[in-house]
Amino acid sequence: MILNSQDSKWVLRIPCAFALLFGVALAFASENLTLTKNGPKTAREGDLIEYRLEIVNEGSVRIDGIEVLDTLPVTVEFLQSVSTPSGLYDPVTGIWTLTRLGTSEVDRSAELRLQALVRSNLLVEPNDVAVAINRARVITPETAEPIEAELATNILCAFCIDWEILSVSLASDSRVDIQHETVELRFDLHVQVTNNGPIESEGTVRATDFSVIGGNFNPTLILGPTLPVAVALAPGETQTVTFGTNWADWPNSKYTIAWEFQVADTSLIDPIMPNTVSGSYTGEGYDNDSGGGGCFIATAAYGSYLDPHVRSLRRFRDETLMRSRAGRALVARYDNVSPLIAQYIAQHEALRMFTRFVLTPVVFAIEAPVLAFSVLIVLVILTSGFRRWAQLTRNRQR
């Protein structure tokens, strides 16, 4: 069969048409490729970091000869690459080459892991921040719309202390068990932390030491159900985390509480040395078997066994009354009747206020005896003068 020139043109056009259709089909298939980039959002100078790039064929057509350009930022130094399940990465050109991606769950995706070292001496000031941007883009096959992914990593100074404990304050509370005639004690430790910057981050506050020495005091440090505590703060923000103890019997001798708290930035790959603050508190013991009693009425009136007014009354009892036979007898008599009275007073706010009113001059006389005596003399003189003036006034009226 002999083809004329017109027929031969059509024969030559058929392969071209098939090639064009194949190219269009491949272009549409390549549009179903997706890229996902993962890695650290924050790192420090000298940190070892890892970028992870995943490519997936979401379509129903196999794609051959895939190339992805993944160049590392100049702020990091390439160490090694791992491509799974297959593929090859060229660190010089930054091109990741894949033979094909299929359509089954087994061969439709691939992952590239790039390990790199953050360069040192990038930053001049402690609060400076460098941003390292890692971009990846499909370059083969060509697509109508770019298929790309990127990740920004904040590079911080290697020796910057982002988190700091500003203070640790201690507050105590006590309660009286009227029925068992015992006193219980608990503490709250308020730890104030701050993020000195330069970016928002998450820190962890933990108690690395909590010990009690002395007496029969055995409190346990608690904070809700768990320790430690995670705190997220922007630069310059502060937050107070409260660690409390359980209720424990008042110690029968002098006791000391020692603590140590740490805060560290947990948003980094390799957190720097945590900021640590330690302290201690020494308190007075309480011996309910010494005949000193529990100052139940005063405690019920003022609301706490640690109230300064209650402490003054206890000191007067121990240092003055307990040194004489009559004083000890008075205290013993008080101990027999005071628990029931204190229980009744504690349940009525009006009685608590009235009891405080009655005890105020007594406490004043104990805490400032010279001044109290001077005030008493002045009151006696004023009273005597007023009575004399009143007597003279009545005599004149007669």
Protein backbone atom coordinates (compact mmCIF):
# COMPACT_ATOMS: atom_id res chain seq x y z
CA MET A 1 0.00 0.00 0.00
CA ILE A 2 1.37 3.35 -1.02
CA LEU A 3 0.49 6.40 1.07
CA ASN A 4 0.32 9.78 -0.51
CA SER A 5 1.79 12.82 1.16
CA GLN A 6 -1.50 13.80 2.77
CA ASP A 7 -1.95 10.38 4.36
CA SER A 8 1.61 10.30 5.63
CA LYS A 9 1.05 13.59 7.46
CA TRP A 10 -1.86 12.05 9.39
CA VAL A 11 0.21 8.98 10.24
CA LEU A 12 2.94 11.19 11.66
CA ARG A 13 0.42 13.20 13.66
CA ILE A 14 -1.00 10.15 15.49
CA PRO A 15 2.09 9.54 17.72
CA CYS A 16 2.27 13.25 18.43
CA ALA A 17 -1.34 13.23 19.55
CA PHE A 18 -0.73 10.25 21.82
CA ALA A 19 2.33 11.97 23.28
CA LEU A 20 0.29 15.12 23.87
CA LEU A 21 -2.50 13.19 25.56
CA PHE A 22 0.04 11.34 27.72
CA GLY A 23 1.64 14.63 28.71
CA VAL A 24 -1.74 16.12 29.64
CA ALA A 25 -2.61 13.00 31.64
CA LEU A 26 0.74 13.15 33.44
CA ALA A 27 0.26 16.83 34.18
CA PHE A 28 -3.13 16.16 35.70
CA ALA A 29 -1.70 13.23 37.65
CA SER A 30 1.15 15.33 39.02
CA GLU A 31 -1.38 17.83 40.34
CA ASN A 32 -2.32 15.15 42.88
CA LEU A 33 1.11 15.30 44.55
CA THR A 34 1.24 16.83 48.05
CA LEU A 35 4.21 17.98 50.11
CA THR A 36 4.36 18.23 53.92
CA LYS A 37 7.31 19.74 55.80
CA ASN A 38 7.89 19.18 59.54
CA GLY A 39 10.65 20.14 61.94
CA PRO A 40 11.53 22.29 64.97
CA LYS A 41 9.85 25.64 65.41
CA THR A 42 12.52 26.79 67.84
CA ALA A 43 16.20 25.90 68.13
CA ARG A 44 19.40 27.34 69.58
CA GLU A 45 22.80 27.92 68.08
CA GLY A 46 24.67 24.62 68.00
CA ASP A 47 21.53 22.44 68.18
CA LEU A 48 21.21 19.25 66.15
CA ILE A 49 17.92 19.47 64.25
CA GLU A 50 16.01 17.33 61.76
CA TYR A 51 13.72 18.35 58.89
CA ARG A 52 11.16 15.82 57.60
CA LEU A 53 9.64 16.10 54.12
CA GLU A 54 6.85 13.79 52.98
CA ILE A 55 5.53 13.52 49.42
CA VAL A 56 2.29 11.64 48.66
CA ASN A 57 0.60 10.65 45.41
CA GLU A 58 -3.07 11.29 46.10
CA GLY A 59 -4.16 10.34 42.59
CA SER A 60 -4.97 7.07 40.80
CA VAL A 61 -2.12 7.21 38.23
CA ARG A 62 1.50 6.21 38.85
CA ILE A 63 3.98 9.06 38.55
CA ASP A 64 7.55 8.44 37.36
CA GLY A 65 10.72 10.52 37.54
CA ILE A 66 9.95 12.85 40.44
CA GLU A 67 12.37 15.55 41.56
CA VAL A 68 11.93 17.78 44.60
CA LEU A 69 14.17 20.74 45.34
CA ASP A 70 14.78 20.96 49.12
CA THR A 71 17.56 23.41 49.92
CA LEU A 72 18.66 23.95 53.50
CA PRO A 73 18.87 27.51 54.87
CA VAL A 74 22.34 29.05 55.21
CA THR A 75 21.94 29.13 59.00
CA VAL A 76 22.32 25.33 59.22
CA GLU A 77 24.98 22.87 58.09
CA PHE A 78 24.00 19.62 56.36
CA LEU A 79 25.03 16.41 58.14
CA GLN A 80 23.18 13.47 56.56
CA SER A 81 20.00 12.41 54.78
CA VAL A 82 17.72 9.38 54.90
CA SER A 83 15.18 8.67 52.14
CA THR A 84 12.54 5.99 52.69
CA PRO A 85 11.48 3.67 51.19
CA SER A 86 13.74 4.72 48.28
CA GLY A 87 15.16 7.80 46.61
CA LEU A 88 18.39 9.79 46.65
CA TYR A 89 19.19 13.27 47.98
CA ASP A 90 22.05 15.39 46.61
CA PRO A 91 23.17 17.88 49.29
CA VAL A 92 25.07 19.95 46.71
CA THR A 93 22.12 20.63 44.41
CA GLY A 94 19.44 20.08 47.06
CA ILE A 95 17.48 17.79 44.72
CA TRP A 96 15.66 14.74 46.03
CA THR A 97 15.12 12.19 43.22
CA LEU A 98 12.44 9.50 43.30
CA THR A 99 12.02 6.82 40.62
CA ARG A 100 8.29 6.59 40.97
CA LEU A 101 5.28 6.90 43.29
CA GLY A 102 2.54 4.33 42.90
CA THR A 103 -1.10 4.36 43.90
CA SER A 104 -1.20 1.73 46.65
CA GLU A 105 -0.73 2.34 50.35
CA VAL A 106 2.69 0.72 50.15
CA ASP A 107 4.31 2.82 47.41
CA ARG A 108 2.27 6.03 47.17
CA SER A 109 4.42 8.05 49.60
CA ALA A 110 8.06 8.69 50.47
CA GLU A 111 9.86 10.57 53.25
CA LEU A 112 13.11 12.51 53.32
CA ARG A 113 14.81 13.22 56.65
CA LEU A 114 17.55 15.83 56.67
CA GLN A 115 19.75 16.16 59.75
CA ALA A 116 21.58 19.44 60.17
CA LEU A 117 23.52 21.45 62.73
CA VAL A 118 22.53 25.04 63.55
CA ARG A 119 25.56 27.23 62.99
CA SER A 120 27.10 29.09 65.93
CA ASN A 121 27.81 32.82 66.31
CA LEU A 122 24.76 33.78 64.27
CA LEU A 123 23.45 36.26 66.84
CA VAL A 124 25.09 39.33 68.33
CA GLU A 125 22.76 40.26 71.21
CA PRO A 126 21.25 37.77 73.70
CA ASN A 127 17.70 38.66 72.67
CA ASP A 128 18.33 38.53 68.92
CA VAL A 129 16.37 36.00 66.84
CA ALA A 130 17.30 34.56 63.45
CA VAL A 131 14.65 32.89 61.29
CA ALA A 132 15.70 29.85 59.25
CA ILE A 133 13.25 29.01 56.44
CA ASN A 134 13.43 25.57 54.84
CA ARG A 135 11.51 25.40 51.52
CA ALA A 136 10.72 22.39 49.34
CA ARG A 137 9.21 22.43 45.82
CA VAL A 138 8.35 19.80 43.17
CA ILE A 139 10.35 20.64 40.02
CA THR A 140 9.70 17.45 38.00
CA PRO A 141 7.14 16.84 36.64
CA GLU A 142 6.11 20.40 35.94
CA THR A 143 2.74 21.46 37.28
CA ALA A 144 0.36 24.29 36.50
CA GLU A 145 0.29 25.32 40.15
CA PRO A 146 3.44 25.07 42.29
CA ILE A 147 3.53 22.22 44.79
CA GLU A 148 5.62 23.37 47.72
CA ALA A 149 5.97 23.41 51.50
CA GLU A 150 8.04 25.41 53.95
CA LEU A 151 8.94 25.56 57.64
CA ALA A 152 10.21 28.55 59.64
CA THR A 153 12.48 27.90 62.64
CA ASN A 154 13.38 30.60 65.16
CA ILE A 155 17.08 30.43 66.05
CA LEU A 156 17.88 31.73 69.54
CA CYS A 157 21.09 32.61 71.29
CA ALA A 158 22.84 29.52 72.65
CA PHE A 159 23.25 30.89 76.17
CA CYS A 160 20.12 33.03 76.58
CA ILE A 161 18.09 32.28 79.73
CA ASP A 162 14.50 32.58 78.60
CA TRP A 163 12.81 31.48 81.82
CA GLU A 164 13.42 32.76 85.33
CA ILE A 165 11.96 32.24 88.80
CA LEU A 166 11.34 35.72 90.21
CA SER A 167 10.33 34.73 93.72
CA VAL A 168 9.13 31.96 95.99
CA SER A 169 6.81 33.05 98.80
CA LEU A 170 5.41 30.88 101.57
CA ALA A 171 1.99 31.17 103.19
CA SER A 172 0.71 28.99 106.02
CA ASP A 173 -2.67 28.05 107.38
CA SER A 174 -3.79 26.12 110.43
CA ARG A 175 -6.95 24.61 111.77
CA VAL A 176 -8.00 23.27 115.14
CA ASP A 177 -9.62 19.89 115.56
CA ILE A 178 -11.79 20.68 118.57
CA GLN A 179 -12.94 17.10 119.04
CA HIS A 180 -9.42 15.63 119.20
CA GLU A 181 -7.85 18.79 120.62
CA THR A 182 -5.14 18.85 117.95
CA VAL A 183 -3.81 21.51 115.63
CA GLU A 184 -3.04 20.85 111.96
CA LEU A 185 -0.81 22.87 109.67
CA ARG A 186 -0.36 23.28 105.91
CA PHE A 187 1.69 25.49 103.59
CA ASP A 188 1.36 27.05 100.14
CA LEU A 189 4.50 27.92 98.17
CA HIS A 190 3.82 30.52 95.46
CA VAL A 191 6.41 30.32 92.68
CA GLN A 192 6.40 33.35 90.34
CA VAL A 193 8.02 32.70 86.96
CA THR A 194 8.58 34.88 83.91
CA ASN A 195 9.57 34.47 80.28
CA ASN A 196 12.40 36.92 79.55
CA GLY A 197 11.97 36.39 75.81
CA PRO A 198 12.70 36.85 73.10
CA ILE A 199 9.72 34.78 71.84
CA GLU A 200 6.66 33.07 73.26
CA SER A 201 7.51 29.62 74.61
CA GLU A 202 6.46 26.95 77.06
CA GLY A 203 8.26 26.29 80.32
CA THR A 204 7.97 23.66 83.02
CA VAL A 205 8.04 24.43 86.74
CA ARG A 206 8.99 21.56 88.99
CA ALA A 207 9.89 20.99 92.63
CA THR A 208 13.26 19.25 92.73
CA ASP A 209 13.44 19.21 96.52
CA PHE A 210 10.96 19.42 99.39
CA SER A 211 12.07 18.20 102.79
CA VAL A 212 10.91 18.71 106.37
CA ILE A 213 13.14 18.28 109.43
CA GLY A 214 11.91 18.32 112.99
CA GLY A 215 9.10 17.11 115.21
CA ASN A 216 6.38 14.81 113.98
CA PHE A 217 5.63 17.09 111.02
CA ASN A 218 5.21 15.13 107.79
CA PRO A 219 3.48 17.18 105.08
CA THR A 220 3.53 16.07 101.43
CA LEU A 221 4.02 18.56 98.60
CA ILE A 222 1.07 18.48 96.21
CA LEU A 223 -0.38 20.51 93.34
CA GLY A 224 -3.75 19.21 92.35
CA PRO A 225 -3.16 15.67 91.04
CA THR A 226 0.26 15.97 89.40
CA LEU A 227 3.70 17.54 89.28
CA PRO A 228 5.36 19.31 87.44
CA VAL A 229 3.45 22.22 85.85
CA ALA A 230 3.59 23.46 82.25
CA VAL A 231 3.25 27.22 81.69
CA ALA A 232 3.05 29.06 78.33
CA LEU A 233 4.02 32.75 78.40
CA ALA A 234 4.75 35.52 75.95
CA PRO A 235 7.91 37.60 76.46
CA GLY A 236 7.64 39.73 79.60
CA GLU A 237 4.62 37.89 81.01
CA THR A 238 4.64 36.39 84.50
CA GLN A 239 2.58 33.71 86.19
CA THR A 240 2.40 32.32 89.71
CA VAL A 241 2.25 28.57 90.23
CA THR A 242 1.13 27.42 93.68
CA PHE A 243 2.46 24.24 95.21
CA GLY A 244 0.62 23.22 98.38
CA THR A 245 1.08 20.68 101.12
CA ASN A 246 -1.47 18.38 102.69
CA TRP A 247 -2.71 18.95 106.23
CA ALA A 248 -0.38 17.47 108.85
CA ASP A 249 -0.28 17.43 112.65
CA TRP A 250 1.45 20.42 114.15
CA PRO A 251 5.08 19.48 114.91
CA ASN A 252 5.97 18.95 118.56
CA SER A 253 9.33 20.71 118.20
CA LYS A 254 11.04 23.31 116.05
CA TYR A 255 10.93 22.34 112.36
CA THR A 256 12.54 23.47 109.10
CA ILE A 257 11.06 23.23 105.61
CA ALA A 258 13.52 23.33 102.69
CA TRP A 259 12.57 23.58 99.02
CA GLU A 260 14.08 23.93 95.57
CA PHE A 261 12.22 24.84 92.40
CA GLN A 262 13.37 24.82 88.77
CA VAL A 263 11.97 26.30 85.58
CA ALA A 264 13.20 25.48 82.08
CA ASP A 265 12.07 26.10 78.51
CA THR A 266 10.54 22.87 77.21
CA SER A 267 9.78 24.08 73.67
CA LEU A 268 13.40 23.61 72.62
CA ILE A 269 14.99 20.43 71.31
CA ASP A 270 17.75 20.55 73.92
CA PRO A 271 16.65 22.79 76.84
CA ILE A 272 19.38 24.86 78.43
CA MET A 273 20.34 24.69 82.11
CA PRO A 274 17.17 25.43 84.15
CA ASN A 275 16.90 28.41 86.45
CA THR A 276 16.91 27.18 90.06
CA VAL A 277 15.79 28.88 93.29
CA SER A 278 15.97 27.31 96.75
CA GLY A 279 14.95 28.45 100.22
CA SER A 280 13.87 27.35 103.67
CA TYR A 281 11.58 28.27 106.55
CA THR A 282 11.96 27.50 110.25
CA GLY A 283 8.88 27.43 112.49
CA GLU A 284 8.08 26.95 116.14
CA GLY A 285 6.98 23.61 117.49
CA TYR A 286 3.80 23.00 119.42
CA ASP A 287 3.60 20.52 122.29
CA ASN A 288 0.06 19.78 123.33
CA ASP A 289 1.28 17.49 126.11
CA SER A 290 3.24 20.13 128.00
CA GLY A 291 0.19 21.58 129.71
CA GLY A 292 0.29 24.64 127.48
CA GLY A 293 -3.09 24.05 125.94
CA GLY A 294 -4.17 24.89 122.44
CA CYS A 295 -5.37 28.52 122.73
CA PHE A 296 -8.61 27.25 121.27
CA ILE A 297 -10.78 30.31 121.99
CA ALA A 298 -8.24 32.76 120.56
CA THR A 299 -7.72 30.54 117.50
CA ALA A 300 -11.47 30.34 116.93
CA ALA A 301 -11.76 34.12 117.24
CA TYR A 302 -8.86 35.08 114.97
CA GLY A 303 -9.27 32.17 112.54
CA SER A 304 -5.73 30.78 112.61
CA TYR A 305 -3.36 29.30 115.14
CA LEU A 306 -0.58 31.28 113.38
CA ASP A 307 -2.30 34.65 113.80
CA PRO A 308 0.09 37.16 115.47
CA HIS A 309 -2.45 37.86 118.22
CA VAL A 310 -2.73 34.15 119.02
CA ARG A 311 1.05 33.87 119.10
CA SER A 312 1.23 36.72 121.63
CA LEU A 313 -1.30 35.00 123.86
CA ARG A 314 0.59 31.69 123.61
CA ARG A 315 3.84 33.41 124.49
CA PHE A 316 2.23 35.04 127.56
CA ARG A 317 0.83 31.67 128.59
CA ASP A 318 4.14 29.81 128.20
CA GLU A 319 6.50 32.49 129.53
CA THR A 320 4.36 33.92 132.34
CA LEU A 321 1.43 31.78 133.45
CA MET A 322 3.17 28.41 133.19
CA ARG A 323 5.96 29.54 135.55
CA SER A 324 3.74 29.66 138.63
CA ARG A 325 1.51 27.10 140.31
CA ALA A 326 -1.50 29.39 140.18
CA GLY A 327 -0.88 30.10 136.50
CA ARG A 328 -0.61 26.41 135.63
CA ALA A 329 -3.83 25.71 137.51
CA LEU A 330 -5.56 28.49 135.58
CA VAL A 331 -4.30 27.13 132.25
CA ALA A 332 -5.40 23.59 133.16
CA ARG A 333 -8.87 24.88 134.05
CA TYR A 334 -8.98 26.80 130.76
CA ASP A 335 -8.00 23.68 128.78
CA ASN A 336 -10.89 21.73 130.27
CA VAL A 337 -13.62 24.14 129.24
CA SER A 338 -12.22 26.02 126.24
CA PRO A 339 -12.65 23.41 123.43
CA LEU A 340 -16.46 23.38 123.62
CA ILE A 341 -16.62 27.17 123.96
CA ALA A 342 -14.25 27.62 121.03
CA GLN A 343 -16.30 25.27 118.87
CA TYR A 344 -19.43 27.34 119.52
CA ILE A 345 -17.62 30.65 118.91
CA ALA A 346 -16.14 29.39 115.61
CA GLN A 347 -19.62 28.74 114.24
CA HIS A 348 -20.92 32.31 114.85
CA GLU A 349 -19.26 35.31 113.24
CA ALA A 350 -20.82 37.76 115.69
CA LEU A 351 -19.31 35.86 118.64
CA ARG A 352 -15.93 35.80 116.88
CA MET A 353 -16.04 39.58 116.47
CA PHE A 354 -17.08 40.08 120.11
CA THR A 355 -14.30 37.77 121.34
CA ARG A 356 -11.73 39.65 119.27
CA PHE A 357 -13.03 42.90 120.77
CA VAL A 358 -12.60 41.51 124.29
CA LEU A 359 -9.14 40.08 123.58
CA THR A 360 -7.76 43.18 121.85
CA PRO A 361 -6.83 45.10 125.05
CA VAL A 362 -5.35 41.91 126.52
CA VAL A 363 -3.16 41.37 123.46
CA PHE A 364 -2.20 45.05 123.47
CA ALA A 365 -1.10 44.81 127.09
CA ILE A 366 0.97 41.70 126.33
CA GLU A 367 2.65 43.05 123.22
CA ALA A 368 3.35 46.56 124.56
CA PRO A 369 3.17 46.47 128.36
CA VAL A 370 4.91 49.83 128.91
CA LEU A 371 2.68 51.62 126.47
CA ALA A 372 -0.38 49.83 127.83
CA PHE A 373 0.55 50.84 131.38
CA SER A 374 1.03 54.45 130.24
CA VAL A 375 -2.36 54.45 128.55
CA LEU A 376 -3.90 52.98 131.71
CA ILE A 377 -2.36 55.74 133.87
CA VAL A 378 -3.65 58.39 131.47
CA LEU A 379 -7.13 56.84 131.56
CA VAL A 380 -7.07 56.75 135.39
CA ILE A 381 -6.01 60.41 135.54
CA LEU A 382 -8.63 61.42 133.00
CA THR A 383 -11.31 59.44 134.82
CA SER A 384 -10.33 60.93 138.18
CA GLY A 385 -10.28 64.42 136.72
CA PHE A 386 -13.65 63.95 135.08
CA ARG A 387 -15.19 62.70 138.35
CA ARG A 388 -13.72 65.68 140.26
CA TRP A 389 -15.02 68.10 137.62
CA ALA A 390 -18.47 66.48 137.79
CA GLN A 391 -18.47 66.75 141.61
CA LEU A 392 -17.54 70.46 141.49
CA THR A 393 -20.24 71.11 138.92
CA ARG A 394 -22.90 69.50 141.12
CA ASN A 395 -21.72 71.51 144.18
CA ARG A 396 -22.01 74.80 142.29
CA GLN A 397 -25.52 73.97 141.16
CA ARG A 398 -26.59 73.60 144.79
